[in-house]
């Protein structure tokens, strides 16, 4: 009588079956990695766009705060020459109120700031004093990049936009005081990703 083997009827995978299984596994791994890579790339792109949008919103709020708190206070530059409360062409410099002083330092609550587009980067400059000495250097703040173009216009009166401020006009009334501040400031920027944006700020009267 023959003894029955406990492994009777059992057999392993052939080499061909192993190769087919490995090929299927490799194909599934490649498909999974490709799908995961696409998801991660989309996530990174979404996060980058969200960061740029937050940067854009922050820049708008800071510029709005500066322009809408402008005050008619001229300053002296490094050479002692008087600068108007607001000076602008394609850059903008002005005196603004609202410089917070929580520690009560003996200083003014007015502040001189400037905005400039340099190498596709929108920068803000802040002076610690109003009337500058020769060694007065502004603090520089990079607010936004990827800016292709910026244009600033100044509203003198209804529908009278100017490319620079202060403006020299022939005033029919010689006794009338010249306009110290414009009625509004329009800032147009061309962003690499968001396209053209127009910001309109009304100045206090």
N, C-alpha and C. Protein backbone atom coordinates (compact mmCIF):
# COMPACT_ATOMS: atom_id res chain seq x y z
N UNK A 1 0.86 -1.18 0.00
CA UNK A 1 0.00 0.00 0.00
C UNK A 1 0.89 1.22 0.00
N UNK A 2 0.60 2.18 -0.97
CA UNK A 2 1.42 3.37 -1.07
C UNK A 2 0.97 4.42 -0.07
N UNK A 3 1.99 5.10 0.53
CA UNK A 3 1.68 6.19 1.45
C UNK A 3 1.40 7.45 0.65
N UNK A 4 0.24 8.08 0.99
CA UNK A 4 -0.14 9.30 0.30
C UNK A 4 0.66 10.49 0.82
N UNK A 5 1.20 11.23 -0.05
CA UNK A 5 1.98 12.42 0.36
C UNK A 5 1.04 13.55 0.75
N UNK A 6 1.46 14.31 1.80
CA UNK A 6 0.63 15.44 2.26
C UNK A 6 0.61 16.58 1.27
N UNK A 7 1.49 16.57 0.30
CA UNK A 7 1.54 17.66 -0.69
C UNK A 7 1.00 17.21 -2.02
N UNK A 8 0.27 16.10 -2.04
CA UNK A 8 -0.25 15.60 -3.30
C UNK A 8 -1.25 16.60 -3.87
N UNK A 9 -1.14 16.92 -5.10
CA UNK A 9 -2.07 17.83 -5.77
C UNK A 9 -1.67 19.29 -5.66
N UNK A 10 -0.61 19.63 -4.89
CA UNK A 10 -0.17 21.02 -4.75
C UNK A 10 1.05 21.26 -5.63
N UNK A 11 1.09 22.43 -6.25
CA UNK A 11 2.24 22.78 -7.07
C UNK A 11 2.51 24.27 -6.94
N UNK A 12 3.74 24.72 -7.18
CA UNK A 12 4.10 26.13 -7.09
C UNK A 12 3.83 26.86 -8.39
N UNK A 13 4.14 28.20 -8.38
CA UNK A 13 3.99 29.01 -9.59
C UNK A 13 5.10 28.68 -10.56
N UNK A 14 4.75 28.69 -11.79
CA UNK A 14 5.78 28.53 -12.81
C UNK A 14 6.48 29.86 -13.02
N UNK A 15 7.62 29.81 -13.69
CA UNK A 15 8.38 31.02 -13.96
C UNK A 15 7.57 32.00 -14.81
N UNK A 16 6.82 31.51 -15.74
CA UNK A 16 6.00 32.38 -16.58
C UNK A 16 4.93 33.10 -15.77
N UNK A 17 4.30 32.34 -14.86
CA UNK A 17 3.27 32.96 -14.01
C UNK A 17 3.88 34.02 -13.10
N UNK A 18 5.08 33.77 -12.58
CA UNK A 18 5.75 34.76 -11.74
C UNK A 18 6.07 36.02 -12.53
N UNK A 19 6.52 35.85 -13.75
CA UNK A 19 6.84 37.02 -14.57
C UNK A 19 5.60 37.83 -14.89
N UNK A 20 4.48 37.12 -15.19
CA UNK A 20 3.24 37.83 -15.47
C UNK A 20 2.76 38.59 -14.24
N UNK A 21 2.84 37.97 -13.07
CA UNK A 21 2.42 38.62 -11.83
C UNK A 21 3.27 39.86 -11.53
N UNK A 22 4.59 39.72 -11.73
CA UNK A 22 5.47 40.87 -11.50
C UNK A 22 5.18 42.00 -12.48
N UNK A 23 4.89 41.63 -13.72
CA UNK A 23 4.57 42.66 -14.72
C UNK A 23 3.29 43.40 -14.35
N UNK A 24 2.27 42.66 -13.90
CA UNK A 24 1.01 43.29 -13.50
C UNK A 24 1.23 44.19 -12.29
N UNK A 25 2.00 43.69 -11.32
CA UNK A 25 2.29 44.48 -10.12
C UNK A 25 3.04 45.77 -10.48
N UNK A 26 4.03 45.63 -11.39
CA UNK A 26 4.78 46.81 -11.81
C UNK A 26 3.90 47.83 -12.52
N UNK A 27 2.99 47.33 -13.37
CA UNK A 27 2.09 48.24 -14.08
C UNK A 27 1.17 48.97 -13.11
N UNK A 28 0.65 48.24 -12.11
CA UNK A 28 -0.21 48.89 -11.11
C UNK A 28 0.57 49.90 -10.29
N UNK A 29 1.83 49.59 -9.98
CA UNK A 29 2.66 50.52 -9.21
C UNK A 29 2.91 51.80 -10.00
N UNK A 30 3.20 51.66 -11.29
CA UNK A 30 3.44 52.84 -12.13
C UNK A 30 2.18 53.69 -12.23
N UNK A 31 1.02 53.04 -12.42
CA UNK A 31 -0.24 53.78 -12.51
C UNK A 31 -0.54 54.50 -11.20
N UNK A 32 -0.29 53.83 -10.08
CA UNK A 32 -0.55 54.45 -8.79
C UNK A 32 0.36 55.64 -8.55
N UNK A 33 1.66 55.48 -8.89
CA UNK A 33 2.60 56.57 -8.70
C UNK A 33 2.25 57.76 -9.58
N UNK A 34 1.85 57.46 -10.83
CA UNK A 34 1.48 58.55 -11.75
C UNK A 34 0.28 59.32 -11.22
N UNK A 35 -0.72 58.58 -10.72
CA UNK A 35 -1.90 59.26 -10.17
C UNK A 35 -1.55 60.07 -8.94
N UNK A 36 -0.72 59.50 -8.04
CA UNK A 36 -0.32 60.22 -6.84
C UNK A 36 0.51 61.44 -7.18
N UNK A 37 1.40 61.31 -8.18
CA UNK A 37 2.22 62.44 -8.59
C UNK A 37 1.36 63.57 -9.13
N UNK A 38 0.33 63.23 -9.90
CA UNK A 38 -0.56 64.26 -10.44
C UNK A 38 -1.32 64.97 -9.32
N UNK A 39 -1.77 64.19 -8.33
CA UNK A 39 -2.50 64.78 -7.20
C UNK A 39 -1.58 65.71 -6.41
N UNK A 40 -0.35 65.27 -6.14
CA UNK A 40 0.59 66.10 -5.38
C UNK A 40 0.97 67.36 -6.16
N UNK A 41 1.18 67.22 -7.47
CA UNK A 41 1.51 68.39 -8.28
C UNK A 41 0.37 69.40 -8.28
N UNK A 42 -0.87 68.91 -8.39
CA UNK A 42 -2.02 69.80 -8.35
C UNK A 42 -2.14 70.47 -6.99
N UNK A 43 -1.84 69.73 -5.92
CA UNK A 43 -1.90 70.30 -4.58
C UNK A 43 -0.86 71.40 -4.42
N UNK A 44 0.38 71.14 -4.89
CA UNK A 44 1.43 72.16 -4.80
C UNK A 44 1.05 73.40 -5.60
N UNK A 45 0.47 73.20 -6.79
CA UNK A 45 0.07 74.34 -7.62
C UNK A 45 -1.03 75.14 -6.94
N UNK A 46 -1.99 74.44 -6.34
CA UNK A 46 -3.08 75.12 -5.64
C UNK A 46 -2.55 75.91 -4.44
N UNK A 47 -1.63 75.31 -3.69
CA UNK A 47 -1.05 76.01 -2.54
C UNK A 47 -0.26 77.23 -2.97
N UNK A 48 0.48 77.11 -4.10
CA UNK A 48 1.25 78.25 -4.59
C UNK A 48 0.33 79.39 -5.01
N UNK A 49 -0.76 79.05 -5.70
CA UNK A 49 -1.72 80.08 -6.12
C UNK A 49 -2.40 80.71 -4.91
N UNK A 50 -2.70 79.90 -3.89
CA UNK A 50 -3.31 80.44 -2.67
C UNK A 50 -2.35 81.39 -1.97
N UNK A 51 -1.06 81.04 -1.95
CA UNK A 51 -0.06 81.92 -1.33
C UNK A 51 0.05 83.24 -2.11
N UNK A 52 0.02 83.16 -3.44
CA UNK A 52 0.08 84.38 -4.25
C UNK A 52 -1.15 85.25 -4.04
N UNK A 53 -2.31 84.62 -3.92
CA UNK A 53 -3.54 85.38 -3.69
C UNK A 53 -3.50 86.06 -2.33
N UNK A 54 -3.01 85.35 -1.30
CA UNK A 54 -2.88 85.95 0.02
C UNK A 54 -1.90 87.12 -0.01
N UNK A 55 -0.81 86.96 -0.76
CA UNK A 55 0.17 88.02 -0.91
C UNK A 55 -0.44 89.24 -1.60
N UNK A 56 -1.26 88.98 -2.60
CA UNK A 56 -1.93 90.06 -3.32
C UNK A 56 -2.90 90.81 -2.42
N UNK A 57 -3.68 90.09 -1.65
CA UNK A 57 -4.64 90.71 -0.74
C UNK A 57 -3.92 91.52 0.34
N UNK A 58 -2.82 91.00 0.85
CA UNK A 58 -2.05 91.72 1.87
C UNK A 58 -1.50 93.02 1.29
N UNK A 59 -0.97 92.94 0.06
CA UNK A 59 -0.42 94.13 -0.58
C UNK A 59 -1.50 95.20 -0.77
N UNK A 60 -2.67 94.78 -1.22
CA UNK A 60 -3.77 95.72 -1.42
C UNK A 60 -4.14 96.41 -0.10
N UNK A 61 -4.25 95.66 0.97
CA UNK A 61 -4.66 96.24 2.25
C UNK A 61 -3.62 97.23 2.77
N UNK A 62 -2.33 96.91 2.61
CA UNK A 62 -1.29 97.82 3.08
C UNK A 62 -1.30 99.10 2.24
N UNK A 63 -1.43 98.96 0.91
CA UNK A 63 -1.48 100.15 0.05
C UNK A 63 -2.72 100.97 0.34
N UNK A 64 -3.86 100.33 0.56
CA UNK A 64 -5.08 101.06 0.90
C UNK A 64 -4.90 101.84 2.20
N UNK A 65 -4.31 101.21 3.18
CA UNK A 65 -4.08 101.88 4.46
C UNK A 65 -3.17 103.09 4.30
N UNK A 66 -2.11 102.94 3.50
CA UNK A 66 -1.19 104.06 3.30
C UNK A 66 -1.86 105.23 2.59
N UNK A 67 -2.52 104.94 1.47
CA UNK A 67 -3.06 106.01 0.64
C UNK A 67 -4.26 106.68 1.30
N UNK A 68 -5.15 105.90 1.89
CA UNK A 68 -6.36 106.48 2.46
C UNK A 68 -6.12 107.17 3.80
N UNK A 69 -4.91 107.06 4.35
CA UNK A 69 -4.57 107.79 5.58
C UNK A 69 -3.55 108.90 5.31
N UNK A 70 -3.45 109.33 4.05
CA UNK A 70 -2.52 110.39 3.70
C UNK A 70 -2.89 111.68 4.41
N UNK A 71 -1.88 112.45 4.80
CA UNK A 71 -2.10 113.76 5.44
C UNK A 71 -1.26 114.80 4.70
N UNK A 72 -1.71 116.04 4.79
CA UNK A 72 -1.06 117.14 4.06
C UNK A 72 0.14 117.66 4.84
N UNK A 73 1.12 116.80 5.04
CA UNK A 73 2.32 117.19 5.78
C UNK A 73 3.54 117.01 4.86
N UNK A 74 4.12 118.13 4.36
CA UNK A 74 5.34 118.01 3.55
C UNK A 74 6.52 117.59 4.42
N UNK A 75 7.58 117.13 3.78
CA UNK A 75 8.78 116.70 4.50
C UNK A 75 10.01 117.29 3.82
N UNK A 76 11.16 117.13 4.47
CA UNK A 76 12.44 117.53 3.90
C UNK A 76 13.21 116.28 3.49
N UNK A 77 13.81 116.33 2.30
CA UNK A 77 14.59 115.18 1.87
C UNK A 77 16.01 115.27 2.43
N UNK A 78 16.90 114.39 1.97
CA UNK A 78 18.26 114.31 2.51
C UNK A 78 19.07 115.58 2.23
N UNK A 79 18.67 116.35 1.22
CA UNK A 79 19.38 117.58 0.88
C UNK A 79 18.70 118.82 1.44
N UNK A 80 17.66 118.63 2.22
CA UNK A 80 16.95 119.75 2.82
C UNK A 80 15.88 120.35 1.94
N UNK A 81 15.64 119.76 0.77
CA UNK A 81 14.61 120.26 -0.12
C UNK A 81 13.24 119.77 0.36
N UNK A 82 12.23 120.64 0.16
CA UNK A 82 10.89 120.28 0.60
C UNK A 82 10.23 119.35 -0.41
N UNK A 83 9.62 118.29 0.10
CA UNK A 83 8.84 117.36 -0.71
C UNK A 83 7.37 117.52 -0.34
N UNK A 84 6.51 117.53 -1.35
CA UNK A 84 5.08 117.67 -1.12
C UNK A 84 4.56 116.50 -0.29
N UNK A 85 3.38 116.68 0.33
CA UNK A 85 2.80 115.56 1.11
C UNK A 85 2.64 114.29 0.30
N UNK A 86 2.34 114.45 -0.99
CA UNK A 86 2.25 113.30 -1.89
C UNK A 86 3.00 113.63 -3.16
N UNK A 87 3.94 112.76 -3.51
CA UNK A 87 4.75 112.92 -4.71
C UNK A 87 4.65 111.62 -5.50
N UNK A 88 4.29 111.74 -6.79
CA UNK A 88 4.16 110.50 -7.54
C UNK A 88 4.22 110.67 -9.03
N UNK A 89 4.74 109.66 -9.68
CA UNK A 89 4.60 109.46 -11.13
C UNK A 89 4.32 107.98 -11.30
N UNK A 90 5.32 107.18 -11.63
CA UNK A 90 5.13 105.74 -11.62
C UNK A 90 5.65 105.11 -10.33
N UNK A 91 6.14 105.93 -9.44
CA UNK A 91 6.37 105.56 -8.05
C UNK A 91 5.51 106.49 -7.20
N UNK A 92 5.38 106.16 -5.96
CA UNK A 92 4.49 106.93 -5.08
C UNK A 92 5.16 107.10 -3.73
N UNK A 93 5.17 108.34 -3.23
CA UNK A 93 5.69 108.64 -1.91
C UNK A 93 4.75 109.60 -1.22
N UNK A 94 4.45 109.32 0.05
CA UNK A 94 3.47 110.16 0.75
C UNK A 94 3.68 110.10 2.26
N UNK A 95 3.04 111.07 2.93
CA UNK A 95 3.01 111.09 4.39
C UNK A 95 1.67 110.56 4.85
N UNK A 96 1.69 109.59 5.74
CA UNK A 96 0.45 108.98 6.20
C UNK A 96 0.37 109.05 7.72
N UNK A 97 -0.86 109.03 8.21
CA UNK A 97 -1.11 109.00 9.65
C UNK A 97 -1.31 107.55 10.08
N UNK A 98 -1.49 107.40 11.40
CA UNK A 98 -1.84 106.08 11.92
C UNK A 98 -0.68 105.16 12.21
N UNK A 99 0.53 105.72 12.34
CA UNK A 99 1.67 104.88 12.71
C UNK A 99 1.52 104.53 14.19
N UNK A 100 1.19 103.31 14.45
CA UNK A 100 0.88 102.90 15.83
C UNK A 100 2.13 103.01 16.70
N UNK A 101 1.90 103.35 17.96
CA UNK A 101 2.99 103.53 18.93
C UNK A 101 2.58 102.92 20.26
N UNK A 102 2.46 101.58 20.32
CA UNK A 102 1.93 100.95 21.54
C UNK A 102 2.82 101.13 22.76
N UNK A 103 4.12 101.34 22.56
CA UNK A 103 5.04 101.49 23.69
C UNK A 103 5.21 102.94 24.11
N UNK A 104 4.55 103.86 23.39
CA UNK A 104 4.60 105.27 23.78
C UNK A 104 5.95 105.93 23.60
N UNK A 105 6.68 105.56 22.55
CA UNK A 105 7.97 106.22 22.28
C UNK A 105 7.73 107.70 21.94
N UNK A 106 8.69 108.56 22.26
CA UNK A 106 8.54 109.98 21.93
C UNK A 106 8.78 110.23 20.44
N UNK A 107 7.82 109.91 19.63
CA UNK A 107 7.93 110.10 18.18
C UNK A 107 6.56 110.44 17.61
N UNK A 108 6.57 110.87 16.36
CA UNK A 108 5.32 111.22 15.68
C UNK A 108 4.55 109.96 15.30
N UNK A 109 3.25 110.14 15.16
CA UNK A 109 2.41 109.05 14.63
C UNK A 109 2.27 109.16 13.11
N UNK A 110 2.94 110.17 12.52
CA UNK A 110 2.99 110.28 11.06
C UNK A 110 4.19 109.51 10.53
N UNK A 111 4.08 109.08 9.30
CA UNK A 111 5.12 108.22 8.72
C UNK A 111 5.24 108.51 7.23
N UNK A 112 6.46 108.51 6.73
CA UNK A 112 6.71 108.71 5.30
C UNK A 112 6.96 107.34 4.67
N UNK A 113 6.20 107.04 3.62
CA UNK A 113 6.31 105.75 2.95
C UNK A 113 6.42 105.98 1.44
N UNK A 114 6.94 104.99 0.75
CA UNK A 114 7.04 105.04 -0.70
C UNK A 114 6.80 103.66 -1.28
N UNK A 115 6.27 103.64 -2.52
CA UNK A 115 6.01 102.41 -3.25
C UNK A 115 6.73 102.47 -4.59
N UNK A 116 7.34 101.35 -4.99
CA UNK A 116 8.10 101.34 -6.24
C UNK A 116 8.12 99.93 -6.82
N UNK A 117 8.05 99.84 -8.15
CA UNK A 117 8.18 98.56 -8.84
C UNK A 117 9.60 98.45 -9.37
N UNK A 118 10.32 97.43 -8.91
CA UNK A 118 11.72 97.24 -9.27
C UNK A 118 11.96 95.77 -9.61
N UNK A 119 12.37 95.53 -10.85
CA UNK A 119 12.68 94.15 -11.29
C UNK A 119 11.51 93.21 -11.03
N UNK A 120 10.31 93.65 -11.41
CA UNK A 120 9.08 92.85 -11.29
C UNK A 120 8.69 92.59 -9.84
N UNK A 121 9.25 93.38 -8.92
CA UNK A 121 8.93 93.23 -7.50
C UNK A 121 8.38 94.55 -6.98
N UNK A 122 7.23 94.47 -6.30
CA UNK A 122 6.63 95.66 -5.71
C UNK A 122 7.18 95.82 -4.30
N UNK A 123 7.84 96.95 -4.08
CA UNK A 123 8.51 97.19 -2.80
C UNK A 123 7.94 98.42 -2.11
N UNK A 124 7.95 98.36 -0.79
CA UNK A 124 7.49 99.46 0.05
C UNK A 124 8.66 99.93 0.91
N UNK A 125 8.85 101.25 0.99
CA UNK A 125 9.92 101.83 1.79
C UNK A 125 9.32 102.68 2.89
N UNK A 126 9.90 102.58 4.08
CA UNK A 126 9.40 103.31 5.24
C UNK A 126 10.56 104.04 5.90
N UNK A 127 10.41 105.34 6.13
CA UNK A 127 11.40 106.12 6.86
C UNK A 127 10.99 106.24 8.32
N UNK A 128 11.96 106.19 9.19
CA UNK A 128 11.70 106.28 10.62
C UNK A 128 11.51 107.73 11.09
N UNK A 129 11.87 108.67 10.22
CA UNK A 129 11.69 110.10 10.53
C UNK A 129 10.99 110.75 9.34
N UNK A 130 10.36 111.88 9.59
CA UNK A 130 9.70 112.61 8.51
C UNK A 130 10.70 113.47 7.75
N UNK A 131 11.41 114.34 8.45
CA UNK A 131 12.42 115.20 7.84
C UNK A 131 13.77 114.50 7.95
N UNK A 132 14.31 114.11 6.81
CA UNK A 132 15.46 113.21 6.79
C UNK A 132 16.78 113.95 6.96
N UNK A 133 17.72 113.23 7.53
CA UNK A 133 19.11 113.66 7.53
C UNK A 133 19.81 112.95 6.37
N UNK A 134 21.08 113.30 6.15
CA UNK A 134 21.80 112.69 5.03
C UNK A 134 22.02 111.20 5.22
N UNK A 135 21.99 110.74 6.44
CA UNK A 135 22.19 109.31 6.69
C UNK A 135 20.88 108.56 6.93
N UNK A 136 19.75 109.21 6.65
CA UNK A 136 18.46 108.55 6.86
C UNK A 136 18.24 107.52 5.75
N UNK A 137 18.08 106.28 6.14
CA UNK A 137 17.86 105.21 5.18
C UNK A 137 16.49 104.56 5.46
N UNK A 138 15.70 104.31 4.41
CA UNK A 138 14.40 103.69 4.63
C UNK A 138 14.52 102.19 4.89
N UNK A 139 13.52 101.66 5.56
CA UNK A 139 13.40 100.22 5.74
C UNK A 139 12.65 99.66 4.53
N UNK A 140 13.24 98.68 3.88
CA UNK A 140 12.67 98.13 2.65
C UNK A 140 11.84 96.89 2.94
N UNK A 141 10.69 96.78 2.29
CA UNK A 141 9.80 95.63 2.47
C UNK A 141 9.34 95.13 1.10
N UNK A 142 9.67 93.89 0.78
CA UNK A 142 9.20 93.26 -0.44
C UNK A 142 7.81 92.70 -0.20
N UNK A 143 6.83 93.18 -0.98
CA UNK A 143 5.45 92.77 -0.75
C UNK A 143 4.95 91.78 -1.79
N UNK A 144 5.37 91.91 -3.04
CA UNK A 144 4.81 91.05 -4.07
C UNK A 144 5.76 91.02 -5.27
N UNK A 145 5.88 89.86 -5.91
CA UNK A 145 6.67 89.78 -7.12
C UNK A 145 5.80 89.28 -8.27
N UNK A 146 6.42 88.98 -9.40
CA UNK A 146 5.72 88.57 -10.62
C UNK A 146 4.80 89.68 -11.15
N UNK A 147 5.23 90.94 -10.97
CA UNK A 147 4.48 92.08 -11.48
C UNK A 147 5.14 92.53 -12.78
N UNK A 148 4.40 92.44 -13.88
CA UNK A 148 4.94 92.80 -15.18
C UNK A 148 4.93 94.31 -15.42
N UNK A 149 3.98 95.01 -14.79
CA UNK A 149 3.75 96.42 -15.17
C UNK A 149 2.97 97.09 -14.06
N UNK A 150 3.24 98.38 -13.82
CA UNK A 150 2.46 99.16 -12.87
C UNK A 150 2.31 100.58 -13.40
N UNK A 151 1.11 101.12 -13.30
CA UNK A 151 0.83 102.50 -13.68
C UNK A 151 0.02 103.15 -12.57
N UNK A 152 0.37 104.39 -12.23
CA UNK A 152 -0.33 105.14 -11.20
C UNK A 152 -0.84 106.44 -11.79
N UNK A 153 -2.10 106.74 -11.53
CA UNK A 153 -2.71 108.00 -11.98
C UNK A 153 -3.33 108.71 -10.80
N UNK A 154 -3.46 110.04 -10.94
CA UNK A 154 -3.91 110.90 -9.85
C UNK A 154 -5.08 111.75 -10.34
N UNK A 155 -6.16 111.74 -9.59
CA UNK A 155 -7.37 112.46 -10.00
C UNK A 155 -7.34 113.87 -9.44
N UNK A 156 -7.23 114.84 -10.36
CA UNK A 156 -7.21 116.25 -9.96
C UNK A 156 -8.62 116.76 -9.69
N UNK A 157 -9.53 116.47 -10.60
CA UNK A 157 -10.95 116.83 -10.46
C UNK A 157 -11.74 115.79 -11.24
N UNK A 158 -13.02 116.07 -11.45
CA UNK A 158 -13.85 115.09 -12.15
C UNK A 158 -13.28 114.78 -13.53
N UNK A 159 -12.92 113.53 -13.74
CA UNK A 159 -12.41 113.03 -15.03
C UNK A 159 -11.13 113.73 -15.48
N UNK A 160 -10.38 114.30 -14.56
CA UNK A 160 -9.11 114.94 -14.89
C UNK A 160 -7.98 114.13 -14.25
N UNK A 161 -7.58 113.08 -14.95
CA UNK A 161 -6.52 112.21 -14.45
C UNK A 161 -5.15 112.75 -14.87
N UNK A 162 -4.21 112.69 -13.94
CA UNK A 162 -2.86 113.17 -14.18
C UNK A 162 -1.88 112.01 -14.03
N UNK A 163 -0.78 112.09 -14.80
CA UNK A 163 0.23 111.05 -14.75
C UNK A 163 1.25 111.28 -13.65
N UNK A 164 1.26 112.48 -13.08
CA UNK A 164 2.19 112.75 -11.99
C UNK A 164 1.57 113.75 -11.01
N UNK A 165 2.14 113.77 -9.81
CA UNK A 165 1.67 114.68 -8.77
C UNK A 165 2.87 115.14 -7.95
N UNK A 166 2.92 116.45 -7.59
CA UNK A 166 1.96 117.54 -7.85
C UNK A 166 1.94 117.91 -9.33
N UNK A 167 0.85 118.58 -9.71
CA UNK A 167 0.67 119.00 -11.09
C UNK A 167 0.83 120.51 -11.18
N UNK A 168 1.31 120.95 -12.32
CA UNK A 168 1.42 122.38 -12.60
C UNK A 168 0.32 122.75 -13.59
N UNK A 169 -0.64 123.53 -13.14
CA UNK A 169 -1.74 123.92 -14.00
C UNK A 169 -1.89 125.43 -13.98
N UNK A 170 -2.48 125.93 -15.04
CA UNK A 170 -2.78 127.35 -15.10
C UNK A 170 -4.10 127.60 -14.38
N UNK A 171 -4.01 128.13 -13.19
CA UNK A 171 -5.21 128.35 -12.40
C UNK A 171 -5.82 129.70 -12.78
N UNK A 172 -7.08 129.73 -13.21
CA UNK A 172 -7.69 131.01 -13.58
C UNK A 172 -7.85 131.96 -12.40
N UNK A 173 -7.86 131.42 -11.20
CA UNK A 173 -8.00 132.25 -10.00
C UNK A 173 -6.64 132.31 -9.30
N UNK A 174 -5.93 133.42 -9.42
CA UNK A 174 -4.58 133.50 -8.81
C UNK A 174 -4.61 133.43 -7.30
N UNK A 175 -5.75 133.72 -6.69
CA UNK A 175 -5.85 133.68 -5.22
C UNK A 175 -6.19 132.28 -4.70
N UNK A 176 -6.55 131.38 -5.60
CA UNK A 176 -6.93 130.03 -5.17
C UNK A 176 -5.68 129.21 -4.86
N UNK A 177 -5.74 128.47 -3.79
CA UNK A 177 -4.61 127.64 -3.41
C UNK A 177 -4.52 126.42 -4.32
N UNK A 178 -3.33 126.02 -4.71
CA UNK A 178 -3.20 124.82 -5.54
C UNK A 178 -3.62 123.57 -4.77
N UNK A 179 -4.02 122.56 -5.52
CA UNK A 179 -4.44 121.32 -4.89
C UNK A 179 -3.23 120.64 -4.25
N UNK A 180 -3.36 120.35 -2.95
CA UNK A 180 -2.26 119.71 -2.23
C UNK A 180 -2.29 118.20 -2.44
N UNK A 181 -3.50 117.65 -2.42
CA UNK A 181 -3.67 116.21 -2.57
C UNK A 181 -4.67 115.92 -3.68
N UNK A 182 -4.51 114.85 -4.39
CA UNK A 182 -5.52 114.48 -5.40
C UNK A 182 -6.79 113.97 -4.73
N UNK A 183 -7.83 113.86 -5.53
CA UNK A 183 -9.08 113.31 -5.02
C UNK A 183 -9.00 111.79 -4.87
N UNK A 184 -8.26 111.17 -5.76
CA UNK A 184 -8.15 109.71 -5.73
C UNK A 184 -6.85 109.30 -6.40
N UNK A 185 -6.43 108.08 -6.10
CA UNK A 185 -5.25 107.49 -6.72
C UNK A 185 -5.67 106.16 -7.33
N UNK A 186 -5.32 105.97 -8.61
CA UNK A 186 -5.62 104.72 -9.31
C UNK A 186 -4.32 103.98 -9.58
N UNK A 187 -4.26 102.74 -9.13
CA UNK A 187 -3.08 101.90 -9.32
C UNK A 187 -3.47 100.72 -10.21
N UNK A 188 -2.80 100.59 -11.34
CA UNK A 188 -3.04 99.47 -12.26
C UNK A 188 -1.79 98.61 -12.30
N UNK A 189 -1.94 97.32 -12.04
CA UNK A 189 -0.81 96.40 -12.10
C UNK A 189 -1.17 95.24 -13.03
N UNK A 190 -0.15 94.70 -13.65
CA UNK A 190 -0.30 93.51 -14.50
C UNK A 190 0.46 92.38 -13.82
N UNK A 191 -0.31 91.44 -13.25
CA UNK A 191 0.29 90.31 -12.55
C UNK A 191 0.47 89.14 -13.50
N UNK A 192 1.57 88.42 -13.34
CA UNK A 192 1.88 87.31 -14.24
C UNK A 192 0.78 86.26 -14.26
N UNK A 193 0.16 85.99 -13.11
CA UNK A 193 -0.83 84.93 -13.01
C UNK A 193 -2.26 85.45 -12.94
N UNK A 194 -2.48 86.60 -12.32
CA UNK A 194 -3.83 87.11 -12.13
C UNK A 194 -4.25 88.12 -13.21
N UNK A 195 -3.31 88.51 -14.06
CA UNK A 195 -3.65 89.43 -15.13
C UNK A 195 -3.74 90.87 -14.65
N UNK A 196 -4.43 91.74 -15.40
CA UNK A 196 -4.53 93.16 -15.03
C UNK A 196 -5.46 93.37 -13.85
N UNK A 197 -5.03 94.22 -12.92
CA UNK A 197 -5.83 94.56 -11.74
C UNK A 197 -5.82 96.08 -11.59
N UNK A 198 -6.98 96.66 -11.30
CA UNK A 198 -7.09 98.10 -11.13
C UNK A 198 -7.62 98.37 -9.72
N UNK A 199 -6.81 99.12 -8.94
CA UNK A 199 -7.20 99.48 -7.57
C UNK A 199 -7.43 100.99 -7.52
N UNK A 200 -8.57 101.39 -7.00
CA UNK A 200 -8.93 102.80 -6.89
C UNK A 200 -9.08 103.17 -5.43
N UNK A 201 -8.33 104.18 -5.00
CA UNK A 201 -8.34 104.61 -3.60
C UNK A 201 -8.79 106.06 -3.52
N UNK A 202 -9.78 106.32 -2.70
CA UNK A 202 -10.26 107.68 -2.49
C UNK A 202 -9.53 108.29 -1.30
N UNK A 203 -9.01 109.49 -1.49
CA UNK A 203 -8.27 110.14 -0.43
C UNK A 203 -9.20 110.94 0.48
N UNK A 204 -8.82 111.12 1.74
CA UNK A 204 -9.66 111.92 2.64
C UNK A 204 -9.69 113.37 2.22
N UNK A 205 -10.79 114.03 2.42
CA UNK A 205 -10.93 115.44 2.07
C UNK A 205 -11.15 116.28 3.33
